[in-house]
Structure formats: structure tokens, C-alpha cells
Protein backbone atom coordinates (compact mmCIF):
# COMPACT_ATOMS: atom_id res chain seq x y z
CA MET A 1 60.09 166.17 79.61
CA SER A 2 62.06 163.28 78.15
CA VAL A 3 65.44 163.24 76.42
CA ASP A 4 66.28 160.89 73.55
CA LEU A 5 69.87 161.91 72.89
CA ILE A 6 72.54 163.35 75.19
CA ARG A 7 75.69 164.76 73.58
CA ILE A 8 78.62 164.45 75.99
CA VAL A 9 81.59 166.80 75.60
CA SER A 10 84.98 165.84 76.96
CA ARG A 11 88.69 166.31 76.54
CA ASP A 12 90.01 163.98 73.86
CA SER A 13 92.65 162.29 76.02
CA PRO A 14 92.39 158.49 76.57
CA MET A 15 91.69 159.10 80.28
CA ALA A 16 88.90 161.60 79.60
CA LEU A 17 87.29 159.34 77.02
CA ALA A 18 87.44 156.40 79.45
CA GLN A 19 85.62 158.59 81.98
CA VAL A 20 82.92 159.36 79.40
CA GLU A 21 82.48 155.63 78.77
CA ARG A 22 81.78 155.13 82.47
CA VAL A 23 79.09 157.84 82.31
CA ARG A 24 77.58 156.27 79.17
CA ARG A 25 77.46 152.84 80.83
CA GLU A 26 75.83 154.18 83.99
CA LEU A 27 73.36 156.27 81.97
CA SER A 28 72.28 153.36 79.79
CA ALA A 29 71.80 151.19 82.90
CA LEU A 30 69.61 153.89 84.49
CA HIS A 31 67.79 154.96 81.30
CA PRO A 32 68.04 152.11 78.74
CA GLY A 33 66.26 154.11 76.01
CA ILE A 34 68.65 157.05 75.88
CA ARG A 35 71.26 157.42 73.16
CA THR A 36 74.56 159.17 73.83
CA GLU A 37 77.08 160.78 71.51
CA VAL A 38 80.62 161.89 72.36
CA VAL A 39 81.86 165.35 71.35
CA PRO A 40 85.65 165.31 71.89
CA VAL A 41 87.55 168.62 72.16
CA ARG A 42 91.25 169.40 72.40
CA THR A 43 91.93 171.69 75.35
CA THR A 44 94.67 174.28 75.84
CA GLY A 45 96.00 172.20 78.75
CA ASP A 46 96.34 169.11 76.55
CA LYS A 47 98.13 171.06 73.81
CA TRP A 48 100.45 173.00 76.11
CA MET A 49 103.38 171.08 77.62
CA GLY A 50 104.89 173.95 79.61
CA ASP A 51 104.07 175.21 83.10
CA LEU A 52 100.28 175.31 83.53
CA SER A 53 100.40 178.66 85.32
CA ALA A 54 101.39 180.21 81.97
CA VAL A 55 98.03 179.20 80.45
CA GLU A 56 95.59 180.10 83.24
CA GLY A 57 96.31 177.00 85.29
CA LYS A 58 93.67 174.36 85.74
CA GLY A 59 91.13 176.28 83.66
CA ALA A 60 93.26 175.23 80.69
CA PHE A 61 91.69 171.77 80.89
CA THR A 62 88.08 172.95 81.12
CA LYS A 63 87.71 176.14 79.04
CA GLU A 64 87.03 174.55 75.64
CA VAL A 65 84.72 171.96 77.22
CA ASP A 66 82.73 174.74 78.91
CA GLN A 67 82.54 176.66 75.63
CA ALA A 68 81.08 173.67 73.76
CA LEU A 69 78.45 173.24 76.48
CA LEU A 70 77.47 176.92 76.52
CA ALA A 71 77.39 177.11 72.71
CA GLY A 72 74.86 174.28 72.63
CA GLU A 73 77.22 171.91 70.81
CA ALA A 74 76.83 169.42 73.69
CA ASP A 75 74.38 168.81 76.55
CA LEU A 76 76.64 167.35 79.22
CA ALA A 77 80.28 167.79 80.22
CA VAL A 78 82.30 165.24 82.19
CA HIS A 79 85.12 166.63 84.31
CA CYS A 80 87.54 165.35 86.94
CA VAL A 81 86.69 167.54 89.93
CA LYS A 82 90.40 167.98 90.66
CA ASP A 83 90.76 169.76 87.27
CA ILE A 84 87.95 172.27 87.88
CA PRO A 85 89.21 175.60 89.32
CA ALA A 86 87.68 176.37 92.72
CA ASP A 87 89.09 179.88 93.11
CA ARG A 88 86.37 181.17 90.78
CA PRO A 89 82.74 180.13 90.23
CA LEU A 90 81.60 177.71 87.54
CA PRO A 91 81.13 179.45 84.18
CA ALA A 92 77.90 181.49 84.23
CA GLY A 93 75.04 179.51 82.77
CA THR A 94 76.33 176.10 83.90
CA VAL A 95 75.63 173.93 86.94
CA PHE A 96 76.80 170.66 88.43
CA ALA A 97 74.07 168.05 87.92
CA ALA A 98 75.79 165.17 89.74
CA PHE A 99 78.99 163.90 91.33
CA LEU A 100 79.58 160.22 90.58
CA ARG A 101 80.53 157.62 93.19
CA ARG A 102 84.10 158.32 94.19
CA ASP A 103 87.01 156.22 92.93
CA ASP A 104 90.32 155.61 94.72
CA ILE A 105 91.75 158.95 95.88
CA ARG A 106 95.30 157.67 96.46
CA ASP A 107 98.50 158.12 94.46
CA ALA A 108 100.38 155.20 92.95
CA LEU A 109 104.12 154.71 92.53
CA ILE A 110 105.35 153.15 89.30
CA HIS A 111 108.90 151.82 89.48
CA PRO A 112 110.11 149.49 86.70
CA GLY A 113 112.33 147.63 89.17
CA GLY A 114 109.44 147.04 91.57
CA LEU A 115 110.85 149.07 94.47
CA THR A 116 108.52 150.70 97.00
CA LEU A 117 108.83 154.41 97.80
CA ASP A 118 110.76 153.81 101.02
CA ALA A 119 113.22 151.51 99.21
CA LEU A 120 114.15 153.98 96.43
CA PRO A 121 117.85 154.94 96.60
CA ALA A 122 119.07 158.53 96.95
CA GLY A 123 118.99 160.47 93.68
CA THR A 124 116.10 158.49 92.18
CA ARG A 125 114.31 160.78 89.71
CA ILE A 126 110.55 160.91 90.25
CA GLY A 127 108.58 162.22 87.26
CA THR A 128 105.87 164.65 88.37
CA SER A 129 104.84 168.25 87.69
CA SER A 130 102.56 168.37 90.73
CA VAL A 131 103.67 170.83 93.42
CA ARG A 132 101.46 168.87 95.82
CA ARG A 133 103.45 165.67 95.22
CA SER A 134 106.88 167.28 95.07
CA ALA A 135 106.32 169.27 98.29
CA GLN A 136 105.26 166.14 100.18
CA LEU A 137 108.16 164.12 98.79
CA ALA A 138 110.57 166.90 99.73
CA ALA A 139 109.25 166.67 103.30
CA SER A 140 109.18 162.87 103.65
CA HIS A 141 111.85 161.66 101.18
CA PRO A 142 114.27 164.58 100.68
CA HIS A 143 116.87 162.26 99.12
CA LEU A 144 114.67 161.74 96.04
CA ASP A 145 114.68 164.18 93.10
CA CYS A 146 111.51 165.35 91.35
CA VAL A 147 111.82 165.99 87.61
CA PRO A 148 109.09 167.96 85.78
CA MET A 149 106.86 165.76 83.66
CA ARG A 150 103.59 166.69 81.94
CA GLY A 151 101.34 164.81 79.55
CA ASN A 152 98.61 162.23 79.95
CA ALA A 153 99.28 159.01 81.86
CA ASN A 154 100.15 156.97 78.75
CA ARG A 155 102.57 159.67 77.61
CA ARG A 156 104.25 159.74 81.03
CA LEU A 157 104.61 155.95 81.01
CA GLU A 158 106.33 156.30 77.62
CA LYS A 159 108.67 158.95 79.04
CA LEU A 160 109.46 156.64 81.97
CA ALA A 161 110.27 153.80 79.55
CA ALA A 162 112.48 156.21 77.59
CA GLY A 163 114.52 156.93 80.73
CA GLU A 164 113.36 160.52 81.36
CA ALA A 165 112.68 159.52 84.98
CA ASP A 166 113.34 156.49 87.19
CA ALA A 167 109.85 156.32 88.69
CA LEU A 168 106.46 158.03 88.42
CA LEU A 169 103.69 159.13 90.73
CA LEU A 170 100.22 158.98 89.16
CA ALA A 171 96.65 158.79 90.41
CA ALA A 172 95.65 155.20 91.11
CA SER A 173 92.11 155.81 89.83
CA GLY A 174 93.41 157.23 86.55
CA LEU A 175 95.55 154.17 85.87
CA GLU A 176 92.55 151.95 86.62
CA ARG A 177 90.38 153.97 84.23
CA ILE A 178 92.76 153.38 81.31
CA ASP A 179 93.33 149.70 82.26
CA ARG A 180 96.95 150.24 83.30
CA ALA A 181 96.72 149.21 86.96
CA ASP A 182 99.23 146.49 86.00
CA VAL A 183 102.08 149.05 86.15
CA ILE A 184 101.42 150.04 89.78
CA THR A 185 104.26 149.09 92.14
CA GLU A 186 102.75 150.52 95.31
CA ILE A 187 99.60 152.42 96.28
CA LEU A 188 100.55 155.16 98.75
CA SER A 189 98.41 155.79 101.81
CA THR A 190 96.86 159.23 102.24
CA GLU A 191 99.19 159.69 105.23
CA VAL A 192 102.22 159.33 102.93
CA MET A 193 100.77 161.32 100.02
CA CYS A 194 97.73 163.48 100.76
CA PRO A 195 95.55 163.66 97.62
CA PRO A 196 94.47 166.73 95.65
CA ILE A 197 91.11 168.35 96.33
CA GLY A 198 88.44 166.54 94.31
CA ALA A 199 90.52 163.40 93.72
CA GLY A 200 88.67 160.43 92.22
CA VAL A 201 85.38 162.28 91.62
CA LEU A 202 83.79 162.81 88.21
CA ALA A 203 81.43 165.79 87.90
CA LEU A 204 78.58 166.07 85.42
CA GLN A 205 78.01 169.65 84.29
CA CYS A 206 74.96 170.91 82.36
CA ARG A 207 73.55 174.17 81.09
CA GLU A 208 71.48 175.99 83.67
CA GLY A 209 67.79 175.60 82.95
CA ASP A 210 68.28 172.48 80.82
CA ASP A 211 65.98 170.68 83.24
CA ALA A 212 65.32 167.64 81.05
CA VAL A 213 69.02 166.73 80.90
CA ILE A 214 69.67 167.69 84.54
CA ASP A 215 66.79 165.48 85.72
CA THR A 216 67.96 162.61 83.53
CA VAL A 217 71.59 162.56 84.69
CA SER A 218 71.12 163.59 88.34
CA GLY A 219 70.16 160.00 89.17
CA LEU A 220 73.82 159.05 88.62
CA GLY A 221 74.85 161.20 91.58
CA ASP A 222 76.27 159.70 94.77
CA PRO A 223 75.22 161.43 98.04
CA ALA A 224 78.54 160.77 99.83
CA ALA A 225 80.57 162.07 96.87
CA HIS A 226 78.32 165.16 96.80
CA ARG A 227 78.94 165.94 100.49
CA GLU A 228 82.69 165.27 100.28
CA THR A 229 83.14 167.32 97.10
CA THR A 230 81.08 170.22 98.43
CA ALA A 231 83.26 170.43 101.55
CA GLU A 232 86.51 170.15 99.57
CA ARG A 233 85.62 172.72 96.93
CA MET A 234 84.40 175.25 99.49
CA PHE A 235 87.68 174.73 101.39
CA LEU A 236 89.70 175.44 98.23
CA HIS A 237 87.47 178.38 97.31
CA VAL A 238 87.97 180.09 100.69
CA LEU A 239 91.74 179.54 100.47
CA GLN A 240 91.71 180.86 96.86
CA GLY A 241 94.09 178.08 95.91
CA HIS A 242 95.40 177.99 92.34
CA CYS A 243 97.11 175.32 90.23
CA ASN A 244 100.55 176.08 91.68
CA SER A 245 99.37 176.00 95.30
CA PRO A 246 100.70 173.04 97.28
CA ILE A 247 97.32 172.27 98.85
CA ALA A 248 96.10 168.78 99.59
CA GLY A 249 93.12 167.34 101.39
CA TYR A 250 90.13 165.09 101.36
CA ALA A 251 86.73 164.84 103.01
CA ARG A 252 85.31 161.52 104.05
CA VAL A 253 81.84 160.29 104.89
CA GLU A 254 82.01 157.48 107.44
CA ARG A 255 79.59 154.54 107.38
CA ASN A 256 77.51 156.20 110.10
CA GLY A 257 77.22 159.37 108.00
CA ASP A 258 79.76 161.49 109.90
CA LEU A 259 81.72 163.83 107.62
CA SER A 260 85.28 165.01 108.22
CA LEU A 261 87.81 167.04 106.24
CA ARG A 262 91.58 166.74 106.56
CA ALA A 263 93.71 169.30 104.72
CA LYS A 264 97.29 170.53 104.39
CA VAL A 265 99.12 173.51 102.90
CA PHE A 266 102.86 173.26 102.21
CA THR A 267 105.76 175.33 101.07
CA PRO A 268 107.11 173.89 97.78
CA ASP A 269 110.30 172.73 99.56
CA GLY A 270 108.19 170.77 102.05
CA LYS A 271 109.87 172.47 105.02
CA THR A 272 106.62 174.03 106.29
CA VAL A 273 103.45 171.94 106.53
CA LEU A 274 100.21 173.35 107.92
CA ASN A 275 97.62 170.79 109.04
CA ALA A 276 93.93 170.86 109.92
CA HIS A 277 91.36 168.12 110.51
CA GLU A 278 87.78 168.75 111.60
CA TRP A 279 84.50 166.88 111.87
CA ALA A 280 81.32 168.45 110.55
CA GLY A 281 79.04 167.38 113.40
CA PRO A 282 75.85 169.33 112.72
CA LEU A 283 77.54 171.62 110.15
CA ASP A 284 76.68 171.33 106.48
CA PRO A 285 79.56 170.33 104.14
CA ALA A 286 80.21 173.88 102.85
CA THR A 287 80.50 175.22 106.40
CA LEU A 288 82.95 172.43 107.25
CA GLY A 289 85.07 173.40 104.23
CA THR A 290 85.04 177.04 105.32
CA SER A 291 85.95 176.12 108.90
CA VAL A 292 88.97 174.01 107.87
CA ALA A 293 90.17 176.78 105.52
CA VAL A 294 89.90 179.33 108.33
CA ALA A 295 91.88 177.02 110.64
CA LEU A 296 94.71 176.94 108.06
CA LEU A 297 94.49 180.69 107.43
CA ARG A 298 95.03 181.19 111.17
CA GLN A 299 98.23 179.17 110.83
CA GLY A 300 99.51 181.40 107.99
CA ALA A 301 98.21 179.62 104.87
CA ARG A 302 97.53 182.92 103.06
CA GLU A 303 101.21 183.92 103.19
CA LEU A 304 102.31 180.48 101.96
CA ILE A 305 99.88 180.48 99.02
CA ASP A 306 100.53 184.12 98.04
CA GLY A 307 104.28 183.54 98.22
CA ILE A 308 104.14 181.16 95.25
CA ALA A 309 104.15 182.58 91.73
CA HIS A 310 101.20 181.67 89.50
């Protein structure tokens, strides 16, 4: 069964539309005859500039996209995996068709004066609304101050220029996607700033049973990204982490095929950090994710996560 046209639904932010362009490029390279159309939607998360927990957390960035897919207004949704809630299943009637080759998972520091993170003076205001980033900074650089900042990357860069913060932390891959890698002062190692679950991975989501579209786009999938994402999302699912949970972690497939998962749970003040790191060995990715979650639950992760309002 062949497909002539694929309608791709996405958030209407510059970042999301850049992600769709990547999918369109890769699709046309794989299937030169297929036409694609973009169906942009404005999500609750893009409209709302307050605390995300007040508007159902991460689901705020995916709900309207899911609705367009289920209503038949589009055939394919493109999501950042880190924005897709893992504490509940995918919307009924939808499936992941592919996870694209993973981009950089690291965070980037933007400082107009060109200072690195370790060189920032006491009292420097770092713009971020991520509890994951602020908890890790509180632990490693307690002399720096985090100031809440929401909005897409371009908007945050404008706020930085307007003096609302002295520096920013943003995803390196996101800045590359919107051609703003020029503003990066320093790329932070995963030891300094552990990434969010699903960092750097784009997911393609289709309607269940829409086999023609699923078959067409599944060829864009990357096996390593699939294994890593499966382990990470199962880990987050078992922990029942939400958008205000200071949880970080990443799975990695080595060149020889070995898979490992490193993960952390913090208190927001960074004073307590729980750590786990395991290799899959013969385990499948989902079992590895479960095992790492259980290791952190044994250390008291449940109490830390439940102690944070959301």
C-alpha cells in the first residue's frame, strides 16, 4: 500500500518546525516520490508562560498535536521525546513508528561575556525553568542563582539580551536545529549537567493501524536511538516521574552494541543526589530501564519525587 502525501502535525514554534524540516528531508531522501505537508498547531504549553505543572505538565506540549493526529487532520506527528510524558501511556490509538538518529544530548551555556560555567562569578543569574538544571547547579555551583525563564529558545535569547538573566542554559541540539549554535559559550559534559530523559531524540508518532504511513516512515528509525529511548522511557515510567521531578539520565549504545543507562534523582536544592548506572548485558532495553529505576527506588527516589508538588 503506497502513500502519496503525508501530513505532518507539529507545534508551531521555530524549533518544532525545524524538526519537521529534518523529517521532510530524510523522508524525501528515502522516498523521493512522497509529498509532505505541514499542519502547525499552537499548544497549551506554547501559549502558557506560567509553571507547567499548572497545565498538566509536559502533556501541555503534546495534547493538541495528538488530537490533530487522532482526528485524522494529520498522518504523522513529530515530537521531542523529552516532551512526551512517560508517566502515562501514549494516547490510545497512536503508536511510535520510529525514533530518529540521536542528536547531541548535552546542555549548552550561553554567556554574552564568553565566560565558562566554572568562571561565572557569585550571584550570576542563570535563566532556566528546568528543575533538572537548577537542582544540578545548586549542587555543583551553589553560588549561582537560577531565575525562572520559559519560552522557546529564540524568546529566551531575547530575554537574555534584555537583561532578564546574565546567562542561559539551553539544549545544544535545539540551538543547532534553529541555526543558533553561534551563541554557545560552552557545551557542558554529561558529568557536569546530566541530560533529561529522551534528550536529542525525535519521535515519529502515527495512528495505530495506519500501516501504509507506519511502513513508509519506519525506515527513518535508528536502532541505537530506539534501544536507548526504550530504556530511558521505561525508567521514567517505573519512577512515575512528572514535569517537576528533578530526574536526569541517559542510555548509551557503545560501538560494540553494549547498552548502559546512567540516571539520577535529586532534591530541588541539589543537597540529595541519588545515582545509578547499570549495563544491560543480556537484558532487553525495557528491563534495563526497570532495573535502574528499582535501584533508585531502593535509595529512596519515591519519597524525593512524591515530596515535590506537581
